[in-house]
Amino acid sequence: MKPGRIIPATFYERDTEIVARDMLGKLLQCNTPEGATSGMIVETEAYVGEHDAACHAAAGLTARTAPLYDRAGIAYVYFIYGMYWCVNAVTRAAGLPSAVLVRAVEPVEGMPLMRQRRPHAHRDRDLTNGPGKLCLAMGITGAMNRQSLQRGSLVVREYASYPDSAVTVTPRIGIRHAADWPLRWFVSGNEYVSGRRQGR
């Protein structure tokens, strides 16, 4: 398959749950001075606003959460555990803080560079089967926070599509609050998915 057009900002101006589902199969591309990498998105989670206790916006508007309140179609890249970056796509209208976390991708381009960046990954699937792992492998950092996903070093393109019959929905994982909300989508059976929690 060949990468298609860059996804326009209007794609992200919809309900976060719909965007999260529709991002499956899209291609995340990252260009850095070291080289280019890309991966097909195979797992996402939706974080849906200030009423969502697991969403950073639950803390309100702060310097950290400001990108969530910005326009749709930009990146929200944040640091966790003092070690890892995580990349999100901001959704809905400005002032409605919400985003889709990219939890896992299947590598398409730049595998040698990914292995160089993650030398302790024993299997190819371990390169990008988690939000922090994929950012390390692809070279995604906080310097890309608030950048447009339609141009520059980080973009999302058309690539593949999956019918609902090939998609699994589960509660989000790795969180303590609102942990029972079914806001995680992944490509059923894909080996790069970060966790195997049973879904529907």
N, C-alpha and C. Protein backbone atom coordinates (compact mmCIF):
# COMPACT_ATOMS: atom_id res chain seq x y z
N MET A 1 0.84 -1.19 0.00
CA MET A 1 0.00 0.00 0.00
C MET A 1 0.87 1.24 0.00
N LYS A 2 0.36 2.28 -0.62
CA LYS A 2 1.07 3.55 -0.65
C LYS A 2 0.34 4.57 0.22
N PRO A 3 1.09 5.45 0.88
CA PRO A 3 0.43 6.50 1.67
C PRO A 3 -0.43 7.38 0.79
N GLY A 4 -1.58 7.78 1.31
CA GLY A 4 -2.49 8.65 0.58
C GLY A 4 -2.37 10.09 1.02
N ARG A 5 -3.42 10.83 0.82
CA ARG A 5 -3.42 12.26 1.14
C ARG A 5 -3.30 12.49 2.64
N ILE A 6 -2.81 13.66 3.00
CA ILE A 6 -2.78 14.05 4.40
C ILE A 6 -4.21 14.29 4.89
N ILE A 7 -4.51 13.80 6.07
CA ILE A 7 -5.85 13.93 6.63
C ILE A 7 -6.11 15.40 6.97
N PRO A 8 -7.19 16.00 6.48
CA PRO A 8 -7.45 17.42 6.75
C PRO A 8 -7.91 17.66 8.17
N ALA A 9 -7.81 18.91 8.60
CA ALA A 9 -8.21 19.27 9.97
C ALA A 9 -9.68 18.97 10.23
N THR A 10 -10.52 19.04 9.20
CA THR A 10 -11.95 18.78 9.39
C THR A 10 -12.22 17.36 9.88
N PHE A 11 -11.35 16.43 9.57
CA PHE A 11 -11.48 15.05 10.05
C PHE A 11 -11.54 15.00 11.57
N TYR A 12 -10.77 15.88 12.21
CA TYR A 12 -10.64 15.87 13.66
C TYR A 12 -11.70 16.73 14.36
N GLU A 13 -12.50 17.45 13.60
CA GLU A 13 -13.48 18.36 14.17
C GLU A 13 -14.78 17.66 14.55
N ARG A 14 -14.72 16.36 14.74
CA ARG A 14 -15.89 15.56 15.07
C ARG A 14 -15.79 15.03 16.49
N ASP A 15 -16.82 14.30 16.92
CA ASP A 15 -16.78 13.69 18.25
C ASP A 15 -15.52 12.84 18.38
N THR A 16 -14.89 12.92 19.53
CA THR A 16 -13.61 12.26 19.76
C THR A 16 -13.70 10.76 19.56
N GLU A 17 -14.81 10.15 19.99
CA GLU A 17 -14.96 8.71 19.84
C GLU A 17 -14.96 8.30 18.37
N ILE A 18 -15.60 9.09 17.53
CA ILE A 18 -15.63 8.78 16.10
C ILE A 18 -14.25 8.92 15.48
N VAL A 19 -13.55 9.97 15.86
CA VAL A 19 -12.19 10.18 15.34
C VAL A 19 -11.28 9.03 15.76
N ALA A 20 -11.38 8.62 17.03
CA ALA A 20 -10.53 7.53 17.52
C ALA A 20 -10.76 6.26 16.72
N ARG A 21 -12.01 5.94 16.46
CA ARG A 21 -12.32 4.74 15.65
C ARG A 21 -11.78 4.90 14.23
N ASP A 22 -11.97 6.06 13.64
CA ASP A 22 -11.60 6.27 12.24
C ASP A 22 -10.10 6.45 12.04
N MET A 23 -9.35 6.68 13.10
CA MET A 23 -7.90 6.79 12.96
C MET A 23 -7.23 5.43 12.77
N LEU A 24 -7.93 4.35 13.08
CA LEU A 24 -7.37 3.03 12.84
C LEU A 24 -7.11 2.86 11.34
N GLY A 25 -5.92 2.45 11.00
CA GLY A 25 -5.54 2.27 9.60
C GLY A 25 -4.88 3.48 8.98
N LYS A 26 -4.97 4.64 9.64
CA LYS A 26 -4.28 5.82 9.13
C LYS A 26 -2.78 5.68 9.36
N LEU A 27 -1.99 6.43 8.61
CA LEU A 27 -0.54 6.35 8.68
C LEU A 27 0.02 7.56 9.41
N LEU A 28 0.73 7.32 10.51
CA LEU A 28 1.42 8.36 11.24
C LEU A 28 2.84 8.46 10.72
N GLN A 29 3.24 9.63 10.23
CA GLN A 29 4.57 9.84 9.66
C GLN A 29 5.33 10.87 10.48
N CYS A 30 6.61 10.59 10.72
CA CYS A 30 7.45 11.53 11.46
C CYS A 30 8.78 11.69 10.74
N ASN A 31 9.12 12.92 10.42
CA ASN A 31 10.40 13.23 9.78
C ASN A 31 11.30 13.97 10.76
N THR A 32 12.50 13.45 10.97
CA THR A 32 13.48 14.05 11.86
C THR A 32 14.81 14.16 11.11
N PRO A 33 15.77 14.90 11.66
CA PRO A 33 17.09 14.97 11.01
C PRO A 33 17.74 13.61 10.84
N GLU A 34 17.40 12.63 11.70
CA GLU A 34 17.99 11.29 11.60
C GLU A 34 17.36 10.46 10.49
N GLY A 35 16.16 10.85 10.05
CA GLY A 35 15.49 10.09 9.01
C GLY A 35 13.99 10.07 9.21
N ALA A 36 13.30 9.38 8.30
CA ALA A 36 11.84 9.32 8.31
C ALA A 36 11.36 7.96 8.81
N THR A 37 10.28 7.99 9.57
CA THR A 37 9.63 6.76 10.00
C THR A 37 8.12 6.93 9.83
N SER A 38 7.44 5.81 9.72
CA SER A 38 5.98 5.85 9.67
C SER A 38 5.42 4.55 10.20
N GLY A 39 4.18 4.61 10.65
CA GLY A 39 3.51 3.42 11.15
C GLY A 39 2.01 3.53 10.98
N MET A 40 1.38 2.41 10.69
CA MET A 40 -0.07 2.37 10.59
C MET A 40 -0.66 2.30 11.99
N ILE A 41 -1.59 3.20 12.27
CA ILE A 41 -2.21 3.25 13.60
C ILE A 41 -3.12 2.04 13.78
N VAL A 42 -2.84 1.26 14.85
CA VAL A 42 -3.62 0.05 15.10
C VAL A 42 -4.33 0.06 16.45
N GLU A 43 -4.10 1.11 17.25
CA GLU A 43 -4.75 1.18 18.56
C GLU A 43 -4.86 2.64 18.99
N THR A 44 -6.03 3.02 19.47
CA THR A 44 -6.27 4.40 19.91
C THR A 44 -7.12 4.40 21.18
N GLU A 45 -7.09 5.54 21.86
CA GLU A 45 -7.99 5.77 22.98
C GLU A 45 -8.52 7.19 22.89
N ALA A 46 -9.78 7.38 23.28
CA ALA A 46 -10.39 8.70 23.28
C ALA A 46 -10.41 9.27 24.69
N TYR A 47 -10.09 10.56 24.79
CA TYR A 47 -10.17 11.32 26.05
C TYR A 47 -11.05 12.53 25.76
N VAL A 48 -12.19 12.60 26.46
CA VAL A 48 -13.33 13.33 25.91
C VAL A 48 -13.73 14.63 26.61
N GLY A 49 -12.87 15.18 27.46
CA GLY A 49 -13.21 16.50 27.99
C GLY A 49 -13.01 16.63 29.49
N GLU A 50 -13.40 17.79 30.01
CA GLU A 50 -13.20 18.10 31.42
C GLU A 50 -13.97 17.16 32.34
N HIS A 51 -15.07 16.58 31.87
CA HIS A 51 -15.86 15.66 32.68
C HIS A 51 -15.26 14.26 32.72
N ASP A 52 -14.25 14.01 31.91
CA ASP A 52 -13.57 12.73 31.83
C ASP A 52 -12.39 12.77 32.81
N ALA A 53 -12.51 12.06 33.92
CA ALA A 53 -11.48 12.14 34.97
C ALA A 53 -10.12 11.63 34.51
N ALA A 54 -10.09 10.85 33.43
CA ALA A 54 -8.82 10.34 32.92
C ALA A 54 -8.19 11.29 31.91
N CYS A 55 -8.92 12.30 31.50
CA CYS A 55 -8.43 13.27 30.52
C CYS A 55 -7.66 14.37 31.25
N HIS A 56 -6.55 14.82 30.68
CA HIS A 56 -5.78 15.89 31.30
C HIS A 56 -6.62 17.16 31.49
N ALA A 57 -7.64 17.32 30.66
CA ALA A 57 -8.50 18.51 30.76
C ALA A 57 -9.32 18.51 32.04
N ALA A 58 -9.37 17.40 32.76
CA ALA A 58 -10.09 17.38 34.03
C ALA A 58 -9.47 18.37 35.01
N ALA A 59 -8.20 18.73 34.80
CA ALA A 59 -7.52 19.71 35.65
C ALA A 59 -7.83 21.13 35.21
N GLY A 60 -8.57 21.30 34.11
CA GLY A 60 -8.87 22.62 33.59
C GLY A 60 -7.77 23.14 32.69
N LEU A 61 -7.88 24.39 32.30
CA LEU A 61 -6.92 25.01 31.39
C LEU A 61 -5.64 25.38 32.15
N THR A 62 -4.55 24.75 31.78
CA THR A 62 -3.24 25.03 32.38
C THR A 62 -2.23 25.16 31.24
N ALA A 63 -1.01 25.48 31.58
CA ALA A 63 0.04 25.56 30.56
C ALA A 63 0.20 24.22 29.86
N ARG A 64 0.08 23.13 30.62
CA ARG A 64 0.25 21.81 30.03
C ARG A 64 -0.92 21.44 29.13
N THR A 65 -2.15 21.72 29.59
CA THR A 65 -3.33 21.26 28.86
C THR A 65 -3.80 22.22 27.77
N ALA A 66 -3.15 23.36 27.64
CA ALA A 66 -3.59 24.37 26.66
C ALA A 66 -3.79 23.81 25.25
N PRO A 67 -2.94 22.91 24.74
CA PRO A 67 -3.18 22.39 23.40
C PRO A 67 -4.52 21.69 23.25
N LEU A 68 -5.03 21.09 24.31
CA LEU A 68 -6.32 20.40 24.25
C LEU A 68 -7.46 21.37 23.97
N TYR A 69 -7.29 22.63 24.33
CA TYR A 69 -8.32 23.65 24.14
C TYR A 69 -8.16 24.37 22.81
N ASP A 70 -7.14 24.00 22.07
CA ASP A 70 -6.83 24.64 20.79
C ASP A 70 -7.67 24.01 19.68
N ARG A 71 -7.37 24.38 18.46
CA ARG A 71 -8.12 23.89 17.30
C ARG A 71 -7.88 22.40 17.06
N ALA A 72 -8.81 21.78 16.39
CA ALA A 72 -8.68 20.37 16.05
C ALA A 72 -7.60 20.16 15.00
N GLY A 73 -6.99 18.98 15.05
CA GLY A 73 -6.00 18.63 14.03
C GLY A 73 -4.59 19.04 14.34
N ILE A 74 -4.32 19.35 15.62
CA ILE A 74 -2.95 19.60 16.04
C ILE A 74 -2.51 18.47 16.98
N ALA A 75 -1.20 18.38 17.20
CA ALA A 75 -0.66 17.36 18.09
C ALA A 75 -0.64 17.84 19.52
N TYR A 76 -0.96 16.95 20.43
CA TYR A 76 -0.77 17.17 21.86
C TYR A 76 0.24 16.12 22.31
N VAL A 77 1.46 16.55 22.59
CA VAL A 77 2.53 15.64 22.96
C VAL A 77 2.94 15.96 24.40
N TYR A 78 2.81 14.98 25.28
CA TYR A 78 3.13 15.22 26.69
C TYR A 78 4.09 14.15 27.21
N PHE A 79 4.70 14.45 28.36
CA PHE A 79 5.73 13.62 28.98
C PHE A 79 5.12 12.87 30.16
N ILE A 80 5.42 11.58 30.30
CA ILE A 80 4.92 10.79 31.43
C ILE A 80 6.06 10.03 32.10
N TYR A 81 5.89 9.81 33.38
CA TYR A 81 6.84 9.02 34.17
C TYR A 81 8.26 9.56 34.11
N GLY A 82 8.43 10.80 33.68
CA GLY A 82 9.76 11.36 33.56
C GLY A 82 10.61 10.68 32.53
N MET A 83 9.98 9.92 31.61
CA MET A 83 10.75 9.10 30.67
C MET A 83 10.22 9.12 29.24
N TYR A 84 8.89 9.18 29.06
CA TYR A 84 8.29 8.90 27.75
C TYR A 84 7.40 10.04 27.26
N TRP A 85 7.43 10.23 25.94
CA TRP A 85 6.49 11.12 25.28
C TRP A 85 5.31 10.30 24.80
N CYS A 86 4.14 10.92 24.76
CA CYS A 86 2.94 10.31 24.19
C CYS A 86 2.33 11.31 23.20
N VAL A 87 1.82 10.81 22.07
CA VAL A 87 1.29 11.69 21.04
C VAL A 87 -0.21 11.51 20.90
N ASN A 88 -0.91 12.63 20.80
CA ASN A 88 -2.37 12.66 20.65
C ASN A 88 -2.74 13.59 19.50
N ALA A 89 -3.92 13.36 18.96
CA ALA A 89 -4.51 14.27 17.99
C ALA A 89 -5.66 15.01 18.67
N VAL A 90 -5.61 16.34 18.69
CA VAL A 90 -6.65 17.14 19.32
C VAL A 90 -7.91 17.11 18.45
N THR A 91 -9.07 17.00 19.10
CA THR A 91 -10.34 16.84 18.38
C THR A 91 -11.35 17.92 18.79
N ARG A 92 -12.47 17.92 18.09
CA ARG A 92 -13.63 18.80 18.33
C ARG A 92 -13.25 20.27 18.14
N ALA A 93 -14.17 21.14 18.47
CA ALA A 93 -13.97 22.57 18.27
C ALA A 93 -13.05 23.14 19.34
N ALA A 94 -12.41 24.26 19.01
CA ALA A 94 -11.58 24.95 20.00
C ALA A 94 -12.41 25.26 21.24
N GLY A 95 -11.82 25.06 22.40
CA GLY A 95 -12.52 25.29 23.65
C GLY A 95 -13.21 24.07 24.20
N LEU A 96 -13.25 22.98 23.43
CA LEU A 96 -13.82 21.70 23.89
C LEU A 96 -12.67 20.71 24.01
N PRO A 97 -11.99 20.68 25.13
CA PRO A 97 -10.73 19.95 25.25
C PRO A 97 -10.89 18.44 25.18
N SER A 98 -10.30 17.84 24.16
CA SER A 98 -10.40 16.40 23.96
C SER A 98 -9.35 15.98 22.95
N ALA A 99 -9.01 14.70 22.96
CA ALA A 99 -7.96 14.24 22.06
C ALA A 99 -8.00 12.72 21.94
N VAL A 100 -7.34 12.23 20.89
CA VAL A 100 -7.17 10.80 20.68
C VAL A 100 -5.71 10.44 20.91
N LEU A 101 -5.48 9.55 21.85
CA LEU A 101 -4.14 9.03 22.10
C LEU A 101 -3.82 7.92 21.12
N VAL A 102 -2.69 8.02 20.44
CA VAL A 102 -2.22 6.93 19.58
C VAL A 102 -1.46 5.96 20.48
N ARG A 103 -2.02 4.78 20.68
CA ARG A 103 -1.42 3.81 21.61
C ARG A 103 -0.45 2.86 20.94
N ALA A 104 -0.64 2.56 19.66
CA ALA A 104 0.25 1.61 18.99
C ALA A 104 0.17 1.81 17.49
N VAL A 105 1.31 1.55 16.83
CA VAL A 105 1.36 1.56 15.37
C VAL A 105 2.10 0.32 14.89
N GLU A 106 1.79 -0.08 13.67
CA GLU A 106 2.53 -1.14 12.99
C GLU A 106 3.54 -0.48 12.06
N PRO A 107 4.84 -0.69 12.26
CA PRO A 107 5.84 0.01 11.45
C PRO A 107 5.66 -0.22 9.96
N VAL A 108 5.83 0.84 9.19
CA VAL A 108 5.75 0.77 7.74
C VAL A 108 7.07 1.22 7.11
N GLU A 109 7.62 2.31 7.59
CA GLU A 109 8.85 2.88 7.04
C GLU A 109 9.84 3.16 8.17
N GLY A 110 11.12 2.93 7.89
CA GLY A 110 12.16 3.31 8.84
C GLY A 110 12.42 2.32 9.95
N MET A 111 12.19 1.04 9.70
CA MET A 111 12.43 0.03 10.73
C MET A 111 13.87 0.04 11.25
N PRO A 112 14.89 0.16 10.39
CA PRO A 112 16.27 0.19 10.92
C PRO A 112 16.49 1.34 11.91
N LEU A 113 15.92 2.50 11.61
CA LEU A 113 16.06 3.63 12.51
C LEU A 113 15.31 3.38 13.81
N MET A 114 14.14 2.75 13.72
CA MET A 114 13.39 2.41 14.93
C MET A 114 14.19 1.46 15.81
N ARG A 115 14.83 0.47 15.20
CA ARG A 115 15.63 -0.49 15.98
C ARG A 115 16.83 0.21 16.62
N GLN A 116 17.40 1.16 15.92
CA GLN A 116 18.53 1.92 16.46
C GLN A 116 18.10 2.73 17.68
N ARG A 117 16.91 3.28 17.62
CA ARG A 117 16.42 4.09 18.72
C ARG A 117 15.94 3.24 19.90
N ARG A 118 15.56 2.00 19.62
CA ARG A 118 15.07 1.11 20.68
C ARG A 118 15.85 -0.20 20.65
N PRO A 119 17.14 -0.14 20.99
CA PRO A 119 18.01 -1.32 20.86
C PRO A 119 17.65 -2.47 21.77
N HIS A 120 16.88 -2.21 22.83
CA HIS A 120 16.53 -3.28 23.77
C HIS A 120 15.22 -3.98 23.42
N ALA A 121 14.59 -3.58 22.32
CA ALA A 121 13.36 -4.25 21.87
C ALA A 121 13.75 -5.58 21.22
N HIS A 122 13.32 -6.68 21.80
CA HIS A 122 13.74 -8.00 21.33
C HIS A 122 13.01 -8.46 20.08
N ARG A 123 11.79 -7.98 19.90
CA ARG A 123 10.99 -8.37 18.73
C ARG A 123 10.51 -7.12 18.02
N ASP A 124 10.26 -7.26 16.73
CA ASP A 124 9.79 -6.10 15.97
C ASP A 124 8.53 -5.50 16.59
N ARG A 125 7.63 -6.37 17.07
CA ARG A 125 6.38 -5.85 17.62
C ARG A 125 6.59 -5.05 18.89
N ASP A 126 7.72 -5.26 19.55
CA ASP A 126 8.00 -4.49 20.77
C ASP A 126 8.50 -3.08 20.47
N LEU A 127 8.78 -2.78 19.21
CA LEU A 127 9.26 -1.45 18.85
C LEU A 127 8.21 -0.38 19.10
N THR A 128 6.96 -0.69 18.77
CA THR A 128 5.93 0.36 18.74
C THR A 128 4.61 -0.07 19.36
N ASN A 129 4.61 -1.10 20.21
CA ASN A 129 3.35 -1.58 20.78
C ASN A 129 3.04 -0.92 22.13
N GLY A 130 3.07 0.39 22.13
CA GLY A 130 2.74 1.18 23.30
C GLY A 130 2.98 2.65 22.99
N PRO A 131 2.28 3.55 23.66
CA PRO A 131 2.37 4.97 23.31
C PRO A 131 3.76 5.56 23.52
N GLY A 132 4.44 5.18 24.61
CA GLY A 132 5.79 5.67 24.83
C GLY A 132 6.78 5.03 23.88
N LYS A 133 6.60 3.75 23.62
CA LYS A 133 7.50 3.02 22.72
C LYS A 133 7.47 3.60 21.31
N LEU A 134 6.27 3.87 20.80
CA LEU A 134 6.18 4.35 19.43
C LEU A 134 6.80 5.73 19.29
N CYS A 135 6.67 6.56 20.33
CA CYS A 135 7.28 7.90 20.26
C CYS A 135 8.80 7.80 20.26
N LEU A 136 9.35 6.90 21.08
CA LEU A 136 10.79 6.68 21.07
C LEU A 136 11.25 6.19 19.71
N ALA A 137 10.57 5.19 19.18
CA ALA A 137 10.97 4.58 17.91
C ALA A 137 10.88 5.56 16.74
N MET A 138 9.88 6.44 16.77
CA MET A 138 9.64 7.34 15.65
C MET A 138 10.31 8.70 15.83
N GLY A 139 10.86 8.96 17.01
CA GLY A 139 11.51 10.24 17.24
C GLY A 139 10.55 11.37 17.54
N ILE A 140 9.36 11.04 18.06
CA ILE A 140 8.36 12.05 18.41
C ILE A 140 8.70 12.61 19.79
N THR A 141 8.82 13.93 19.89
CA THR A 141 9.19 14.58 21.14
C THR A 141 8.29 15.78 21.43
N GLY A 142 8.51 16.38 22.57
CA GLY A 142 7.74 17.55 22.96
C GLY A 142 7.92 18.73 22.04
N ALA A 143 8.97 18.73 21.24
CA ALA A 143 9.17 19.81 20.27
C ALA A 143 8.04 19.84 19.25
N MET A 144 7.30 18.73 19.12
CA MET A 144 6.21 18.64 18.16
C MET A 144 4.86 18.98 18.79
N ASN A 145 4.85 19.28 20.07
CA ASN A 145 3.61 19.64 20.74
C ASN A 145 2.99 20.87 20.08
N ARG A 146 1.71 20.80 19.85
CA ARG A 146 0.89 21.88 19.27
C ARG A 146 1.17 22.11 17.78
N GLN A 147 1.95 21.25 17.15
CA GLN A 147 2.16 21.38 15.71
C GLN A 147 0.95 20.88 14.95
N SER A 148 0.73 21.44 13.77
CA SER A 148 -0.33 20.96 12.89
C SER A 148 0.00 19.55 12.41
N LEU A 149 -1.01 18.70 12.34
CA LEU A 149 -0.84 17.35 11.81
C LEU A 149 -1.06 17.32 10.30
N GLN A 150 -1.16 18.50 9.70
CA GLN A 150 -1.34 18.58 8.24
C GLN A 150 -0.07 19.02 7.52
N ARG A 151 0.95 19.41 8.26
CA ARG A 151 2.19 19.85 7.63
C ARG A 151 3.32 19.78 8.66
N GLY A 152 4.54 19.84 8.19
CA GLY A 152 5.66 19.82 9.11
C GLY A 152 6.18 18.42 9.36
N SER A 153 6.78 18.23 10.52
CA SER A 153 7.50 16.99 10.81
C SER A 153 6.60 15.82 11.19
N LEU A 154 5.36 16.10 11.56
CA LEU A 154 4.46 15.04 12.01
C LEU A 154 3.12 15.18 11.31
N VAL A 155 2.75 14.18 10.51
CA VAL A 155 1.48 14.25 9.77
C VAL A 155 0.78 12.89 9.85
N VAL A 156 -0.51 12.90 9.56
CA VAL A 156 -1.31 11.67 9.48
C VAL A 156 -1.90 11.60 8.07
N ARG A 157 -1.76 10.43 7.44
CA ARG A 157 -2.21 10.25 6.06
C ARG A 157 -3.21 9.10 5.94
N GLU A 158 -3.96 9.11 4.85
CA GLU A 158 -4.78 7.97 4.49
C GLU A 158 -3.87 6.77 4.20
N TYR A 159 -4.34 5.58 4.57
CA TYR A 159 -3.52 4.41 4.29
C TYR A 159 -4.39 3.16 4.12
N ALA A 160 -4.90 2.63 5.22
CA ALA A 160 -5.74 1.43 5.15
C ALA A 160 -7.07 1.72 5.85
N SER A 161 -8.01 0.82 5.70
CA SER A 161 -9.29 0.96 6.39
C SER A 161 -9.74 -0.40 6.91
N TYR A 162 -10.50 -0.38 7.98
CA TYR A 162 -10.96 -1.62 8.61
C TYR A 162 -12.45 -1.52 8.89
N PRO A 163 -13.22 -2.55 8.53
CA PRO A 163 -14.65 -2.56 8.86
C PRO A 163 -14.82 -2.79 10.35
N ASP A 164 -16.00 -2.50 10.85
CA ASP A 164 -16.26 -2.68 12.27
C ASP A 164 -16.03 -4.12 12.71
N SER A 165 -16.24 -5.06 11.80
CA SER A 165 -16.05 -6.47 12.16
C SER A 165 -14.59 -6.81 12.46
N ALA A 166 -13.67 -5.94 12.07
CA ALA A 166 -12.24 -6.17 12.29
C ALA A 166 -11.68 -5.31 13.42
N VAL A 167 -12.58 -4.67 14.17
CA VAL A 167 -12.17 -3.75 15.23
C VAL A 167 -12.73 -4.21 16.57
N THR A 168 -11.90 -4.13 17.61
CA THR A 168 -12.31 -4.48 18.97
C THR A 168 -12.38 -3.20 19.80
N VAL A 169 -13.40 -3.12 20.66
CA VAL A 169 -13.59 -2.00 21.57
C VAL A 169 -13.48 -2.50 23.01
N THR A 170 -12.70 -1.79 23.84
CA THR A 170 -12.58 -2.16 25.25
C THR A 170 -12.52 -0.89 26.09
N PRO A 171 -12.59 -1.02 27.40
CA PRO A 171 -12.25 0.12 28.25
C PRO A 171 -10.78 0.51 28.06
N ARG A 172 -10.46 1.73 28.39
CA ARG A 172 -9.08 2.19 28.30
C ARG A 172 -8.22 1.44 29.31
N ILE A 173 -6.92 1.38 29.03
CA ILE A 173 -6.02 0.63 29.91
C ILE A 173 -4.95 1.55 30.47
N GLY A 174 -4.34 1.13 31.57
CA GLY A 174 -3.25 1.88 32.17
C GLY A 174 -3.67 3.15 32.88
N ILE A 175 -4.95 3.24 33.25
CA ILE A 175 -5.46 4.43 33.95
C ILE A 175 -6.22 4.00 35.19
N ARG A 176 -6.40 4.96 36.11
CA ARG A 176 -7.14 4.67 37.35
C ARG A 176 -8.54 5.25 37.35
N HIS A 177 -8.72 6.37 36.67
CA HIS A 177 -10.02 7.07 36.69
C HIS A 177 -10.81 6.74 35.42
N ALA A 178 -12.12 6.63 35.57
CA ALA A 178 -13.00 6.32 34.44
C ALA A 178 -12.47 5.13 33.65
N ALA A 179 -11.96 4.15 34.38
CA ALA A 179 -11.30 3.01 33.74
C ALA A 179 -12.27 2.04 33.09
N ASP A 180 -13.57 2.21 33.34
CA ASP A 180 -14.55 1.30 32.75
C ASP A 180 -15.19 1.87 31.48
N TRP A 181 -14.81 3.07 31.09
CA TRP A 181 -15.41 3.66 29.89
C TRP A 181 -14.86 2.97 28.64
N PRO A 182 -15.71 2.50 27.74
CA PRO A 182 -15.25 1.76 26.55
C PRO A 182 -14.76 2.70 25.44
N LEU A 183 -13.58 3.25 25.64
CA LEU A 183 -13.06 4.27 24.73
C LEU A 183 -11.71 3.89 24.13
N ARG A 184 -11.47 2.59 23.98
CA ARG A 184 -10.24 2.10 23.35
C ARG A 184 -10.63 1.24 22.16
N TRP A 185 -9.98 1.51 21.03
CA TRP A 185 -10.24 0.78 19.79
C TRP A 185 -8.93 0.19 19.29
N PHE A 186 -8.99 -1.03 18.77
CA PHE A 186 -7.79 -1.58 18.14
C PHE A 186 -8.17 -2.56 17.03
N VAL A 187 -7.21 -2.76 16.14
CA VAL A 187 -7.39 -3.70 15.03
C VAL A 187 -7.28 -5.11 15.60
N SER A 188 -8.36 -5.86 15.51
CA SER A 188 -8.43 -7.19 16.13
C SER A 188 -7.31 -8.08 15.59
N GLY A 189 -6.58 -8.71 16.52
CA GLY A 189 -5.56 -9.67 16.14
C GLY A 189 -4.25 -9.08 15.70
N ASN A 190 -4.13 -7.76 15.65
CA ASN A 190 -2.87 -7.16 15.22
C ASN A 190 -1.82 -7.33 16.32
N GLU A 191 -0.64 -7.83 15.95
CA GLU A 191 0.38 -8.15 16.94
C GLU A 191 1.02 -6.93 17.57
N TYR A 192 0.80 -5.75 17.01
CA TYR A 192 1.40 -4.54 17.55
C TYR A 192 0.53 -3.85 18.60
N VAL A 193 -0.68 -4.36 18.83
CA VAL A 193 -1.56 -3.77 19.85
C VAL A 193 -0.90 -3.91 21.21
N SER A 194 -1.05 -2.89 22.06
CA SER A 194 -0.27 -2.82 23.30
C SER A 194 -0.79 -3.72 24.41
N GLY A 195 -2.04 -4.11 24.37
CA GLY A 195 -2.59 -4.95 25.42
C GLY A 195 -3.70 -5.80 24.86
N ARG A 196 -4.07 -6.86 25.55
CA ARG A 196 -5.05 -7.80 25.04
C ARG A 196 -6.31 -7.87 25.88
N ARG A 197 -6.61 -6.81 26.60
CA ARG A 197 -7.82 -6.81 27.43
C ARG A 197 -9.04 -7.15 26.58
N GLN A 198 -9.85 -8.04 27.07
CA GLN A 198 -10.98 -8.53 26.30
C GLN A 198 -11.96 -7.40 25.99
N GLY A 199 -12.47 -7.40 24.77
CA GLY A 199 -13.43 -6.37 24.37
C GLY A 199 -14.53 -6.97 23.54
N ARG A 200 -15.14 -6.07 22.75
CA ARG A 200 -16.26 -6.53 21.92
C ARG A 200 -16.12 -5.95 20.52
